[in-house]
């Protein structure tokens, strides 16, 4: 019985982890760059919003304003 515990636990851990493969880091950066009218991407990080995986993209606009844009990791749409 104990021999089955580690593989079963590993499987549950994998199934509980959010999938990040739908929208890549580069795709999220491109969406945020378009949304900021060609702003420069400063950083892209994995995050969570409303219990769903998102990309947290920080951009600086042409006018020098720093904006934080959340991109849904599954659909590629801007959150909020």
N, C-alpha and C. Protein backbone atom coordinates (compact mmCIF):
# COMPACT_ATOMS: atom_id res chain seq x y z
N UNK A 1 0.81 -1.19 0.00
CA UNK A 1 0.00 0.00 0.00
C UNK A 1 0.86 1.27 0.00
N UNK A 2 1.95 1.27 0.76
CA UNK A 2 2.81 2.44 0.84
C UNK A 2 3.56 2.70 -0.46
N UNK A 3 3.75 1.66 -1.28
CA UNK A 3 4.46 1.84 -2.55
C UNK A 3 3.66 2.69 -3.52
N UNK A 4 2.35 2.75 -3.36
CA UNK A 4 1.50 3.53 -4.27
C UNK A 4 1.36 4.99 -3.84
N UNK A 5 1.69 5.30 -2.62
CA UNK A 5 1.48 6.65 -2.10
C UNK A 5 2.31 7.72 -2.83
N UNK A 6 3.63 7.56 -3.00
CA UNK A 6 4.39 8.62 -3.68
C UNK A 6 3.94 8.89 -5.12
N UNK A 7 3.71 7.87 -5.95
CA UNK A 7 3.24 8.18 -7.31
C UNK A 7 1.86 8.83 -7.32
N UNK A 8 0.98 8.38 -6.43
CA UNK A 8 -0.36 8.98 -6.35
C UNK A 8 -0.27 10.43 -5.91
N UNK A 9 0.57 10.73 -4.95
CA UNK A 9 0.76 12.10 -4.48
C UNK A 9 1.34 12.97 -5.58
N UNK A 10 2.29 12.46 -6.33
CA UNK A 10 2.89 13.21 -7.43
C UNK A 10 1.85 13.52 -8.51
N UNK A 11 1.00 12.56 -8.81
CA UNK A 11 -0.04 12.76 -9.80
C UNK A 11 -1.02 13.84 -9.35
N UNK A 12 -1.42 13.81 -8.09
CA UNK A 12 -2.33 14.83 -7.57
C UNK A 12 -1.69 16.22 -7.60
N UNK A 13 -0.42 16.30 -7.32
CA UNK A 13 0.29 17.57 -7.36
C UNK A 13 0.32 18.14 -8.77
N UNK A 14 0.56 17.30 -9.75
CA UNK A 14 0.58 17.74 -11.16
C UNK A 14 -0.80 18.21 -11.59
N UNK A 15 -1.83 17.49 -11.21
CA UNK A 15 -3.18 17.86 -11.60
C UNK A 15 -3.65 19.13 -10.91
N UNK A 16 -3.14 19.45 -9.75
CA UNK A 16 -3.54 20.64 -9.02
C UNK A 16 -2.82 21.89 -9.48
N UNK A 17 -1.74 21.74 -10.22
CA UNK A 17 -0.95 22.87 -10.70
C UNK A 17 -1.61 23.50 -11.92
N UNK A 18 -1.79 24.85 -11.94
CA UNK A 18 -2.40 25.49 -13.10
C UNK A 18 -1.56 25.31 -14.36
N UNK A 19 -2.22 25.16 -15.48
CA UNK A 19 -1.52 25.01 -16.76
C UNK A 19 -1.11 26.38 -17.28
N UNK A 20 0.13 26.50 -17.70
CA UNK A 20 0.64 27.77 -18.21
C UNK A 20 0.95 27.71 -19.70
N UNK A 21 0.65 26.62 -20.35
CA UNK A 21 1.10 26.41 -21.72
C UNK A 21 0.24 27.09 -22.79
N UNK A 22 -0.97 27.55 -22.45
CA UNK A 22 -1.86 28.10 -23.47
C UNK A 22 -1.30 29.38 -24.10
N UNK A 23 -0.91 30.33 -23.28
CA UNK A 23 -0.37 31.60 -23.76
C UNK A 23 1.05 31.73 -23.22
N UNK A 24 2.01 31.88 -24.12
CA UNK A 24 3.41 31.96 -23.70
C UNK A 24 3.74 33.33 -23.12
N UNK A 25 4.87 33.40 -22.46
CA UNK A 25 5.37 34.67 -21.92
C UNK A 25 5.52 35.71 -23.03
N UNK A 26 6.06 35.29 -24.18
CA UNK A 26 6.25 36.22 -25.29
C UNK A 26 4.93 36.70 -25.87
N UNK A 27 3.94 35.80 -25.96
CA UNK A 27 2.62 36.19 -26.46
C UNK A 27 1.96 37.19 -25.52
N UNK A 28 2.08 36.97 -24.22
CA UNK A 28 1.52 37.91 -23.24
C UNK A 28 2.20 39.27 -23.35
N UNK A 29 3.51 39.27 -23.53
CA UNK A 29 4.24 40.53 -23.68
C UNK A 29 3.77 41.28 -24.93
N UNK A 30 3.53 40.56 -26.02
CA UNK A 30 3.06 41.20 -27.25
C UNK A 30 1.67 41.80 -27.08
N UNK A 31 0.78 41.09 -26.38
CA UNK A 31 -0.57 41.61 -26.13
C UNK A 31 -0.48 42.90 -25.32
N UNK A 32 0.32 42.89 -24.26
CA UNK A 32 0.47 44.07 -23.42
C UNK A 32 1.11 45.23 -24.18
N UNK A 33 2.06 44.92 -25.03
CA UNK A 33 2.71 45.97 -25.82
C UNK A 33 1.71 46.63 -26.77
N UNK A 34 0.87 45.82 -27.42
CA UNK A 34 -0.17 46.39 -28.29
C UNK A 34 -1.17 47.22 -27.49
N UNK A 35 -1.54 46.73 -26.30
CA UNK A 35 -2.51 47.44 -25.46
C UNK A 35 -1.99 48.78 -24.97
N UNK A 36 -0.68 48.91 -24.89
CA UNK A 36 -0.08 50.16 -24.42
C UNK A 36 0.44 51.00 -25.59
N UNK A 37 -0.07 50.73 -26.78
CA UNK A 37 0.32 51.48 -27.99
C UNK A 37 1.82 51.48 -28.23
N UNK A 38 2.41 50.31 -28.17
CA UNK A 38 3.83 50.18 -28.48
C UNK A 38 4.74 50.45 -27.31
N UNK A 39 4.21 50.38 -26.09
CA UNK A 39 5.05 50.60 -24.91
C UNK A 39 6.16 49.56 -24.83
N UNK A 40 7.14 49.84 -23.99
CA UNK A 40 8.27 48.94 -23.81
C UNK A 40 8.00 48.02 -22.63
N UNK A 41 8.12 46.73 -22.84
CA UNK A 41 7.88 45.74 -21.79
C UNK A 41 9.08 45.73 -20.84
N UNK A 42 8.78 45.90 -19.55
CA UNK A 42 9.83 45.89 -18.53
C UNK A 42 9.99 44.52 -17.88
N UNK A 43 8.86 43.84 -17.64
CA UNK A 43 8.93 42.52 -17.02
C UNK A 43 7.65 41.74 -17.29
N UNK A 44 7.77 40.41 -17.22
CA UNK A 44 6.64 39.50 -17.38
C UNK A 44 6.79 38.43 -16.30
N UNK A 45 5.75 38.28 -15.47
CA UNK A 45 5.81 37.31 -14.38
C UNK A 45 4.52 36.51 -14.32
N UNK A 46 4.63 35.27 -13.84
CA UNK A 46 3.45 34.45 -13.58
C UNK A 46 2.79 34.97 -12.31
N UNK A 47 1.45 34.98 -12.32
CA UNK A 47 0.71 35.42 -11.14
C UNK A 47 -0.65 34.75 -11.15
N UNK A 48 -1.50 35.15 -10.22
CA UNK A 48 -2.84 34.62 -10.14
C UNK A 48 -3.79 35.77 -9.84
N UNK A 49 -4.92 35.82 -10.54
CA UNK A 49 -5.95 36.84 -10.31
C UNK A 49 -7.31 36.15 -10.35
N UNK A 50 -8.11 36.38 -9.33
CA UNK A 50 -9.41 35.72 -9.23
C UNK A 50 -9.30 34.21 -9.36
N UNK A 51 -8.26 33.66 -8.75
CA UNK A 51 -8.01 32.21 -8.73
C UNK A 51 -7.77 31.60 -10.11
N UNK A 52 -7.27 32.39 -11.04
CA UNK A 52 -6.91 31.85 -12.35
C UNK A 52 -5.52 32.36 -12.71
N UNK A 53 -4.78 31.59 -13.49
CA UNK A 53 -3.41 31.99 -13.84
C UNK A 53 -3.41 33.16 -14.84
N UNK A 54 -2.53 34.11 -14.58
CA UNK A 54 -2.37 35.27 -15.46
C UNK A 54 -0.89 35.58 -15.62
N UNK A 55 -0.60 36.32 -16.66
CA UNK A 55 0.73 36.90 -16.82
C UNK A 55 0.63 38.35 -16.35
N UNK A 56 1.53 38.77 -15.50
CA UNK A 56 1.59 40.13 -14.97
C UNK A 56 2.68 40.85 -15.77
N UNK A 57 2.25 41.76 -16.65
CA UNK A 57 3.20 42.42 -17.56
C UNK A 57 3.32 43.89 -17.18
N UNK A 58 4.54 44.33 -16.91
CA UNK A 58 4.80 45.72 -16.59
C UNK A 58 5.38 46.39 -17.84
N UNK A 59 4.74 47.49 -18.27
CA UNK A 59 5.20 48.21 -19.46
C UNK A 59 5.38 49.68 -19.13
N UNK A 60 6.21 50.35 -19.89
CA UNK A 60 6.34 51.80 -19.81
C UNK A 60 5.86 52.36 -21.15
N UNK A 61 4.92 53.32 -21.09
CA UNK A 61 4.33 53.88 -22.30
C UNK A 61 5.27 54.93 -22.90
N UNK A 62 4.92 55.38 -24.08
CA UNK A 62 5.73 56.40 -24.77
C UNK A 62 5.80 57.69 -23.94
N UNK A 63 4.76 57.96 -23.13
CA UNK A 63 4.75 59.17 -22.30
C UNK A 63 5.48 58.98 -20.97
N UNK A 64 6.04 57.76 -20.74
CA UNK A 64 6.81 57.49 -19.54
C UNK A 64 5.99 56.92 -18.39
N UNK A 65 4.73 56.64 -18.61
CA UNK A 65 3.87 56.07 -17.57
C UNK A 65 4.11 54.57 -17.46
N UNK A 66 4.30 54.08 -16.24
CA UNK A 66 4.46 52.65 -16.01
C UNK A 66 3.08 52.06 -15.75
N UNK A 67 2.72 51.03 -16.51
CA UNK A 67 1.42 50.38 -16.39
C UNK A 67 1.62 48.90 -16.11
N UNK A 68 0.68 48.34 -15.35
CA UNK A 68 0.66 46.92 -15.07
C UNK A 68 -0.55 46.34 -15.79
N UNK A 69 -0.31 45.37 -16.67
CA UNK A 69 -1.38 44.76 -17.46
C UNK A 69 -1.40 43.27 -17.16
N UNK A 70 -2.59 42.76 -16.79
CA UNK A 70 -2.75 41.34 -16.51
C UNK A 70 -3.33 40.65 -17.75
N UNK A 71 -2.68 39.59 -18.18
CA UNK A 71 -3.11 38.82 -19.36
C UNK A 71 -3.53 37.43 -18.90
N UNK A 72 -4.76 37.03 -19.25
CA UNK A 72 -5.25 35.71 -18.90
C UNK A 72 -4.35 34.67 -19.58
N UNK A 73 -3.83 33.74 -18.80
CA UNK A 73 -2.88 32.74 -19.33
C UNK A 73 -3.54 31.72 -20.24
N UNK A 74 -4.86 31.56 -20.14
CA UNK A 74 -5.57 30.59 -20.97
C UNK A 74 -6.05 31.20 -22.27
N UNK A 75 -6.57 32.43 -22.22
CA UNK A 75 -7.19 33.02 -23.40
C UNK A 75 -6.34 34.09 -24.09
N UNK A 76 -5.41 34.69 -23.37
CA UNK A 76 -4.61 35.77 -23.94
C UNK A 76 -5.30 37.12 -23.90
N UNK A 77 -6.44 37.18 -23.23
CA UNK A 77 -7.18 38.45 -23.12
C UNK A 77 -6.71 39.23 -21.91
N UNK A 78 -6.86 40.55 -21.98
CA UNK A 78 -6.54 41.41 -20.86
C UNK A 78 -7.59 41.22 -19.77
N UNK A 79 -7.12 41.09 -18.54
CA UNK A 79 -8.01 40.90 -17.39
C UNK A 79 -8.28 42.26 -16.77
N UNK A 80 -9.54 42.53 -16.50
CA UNK A 80 -9.92 43.76 -15.81
C UNK A 80 -10.14 44.84 -16.74
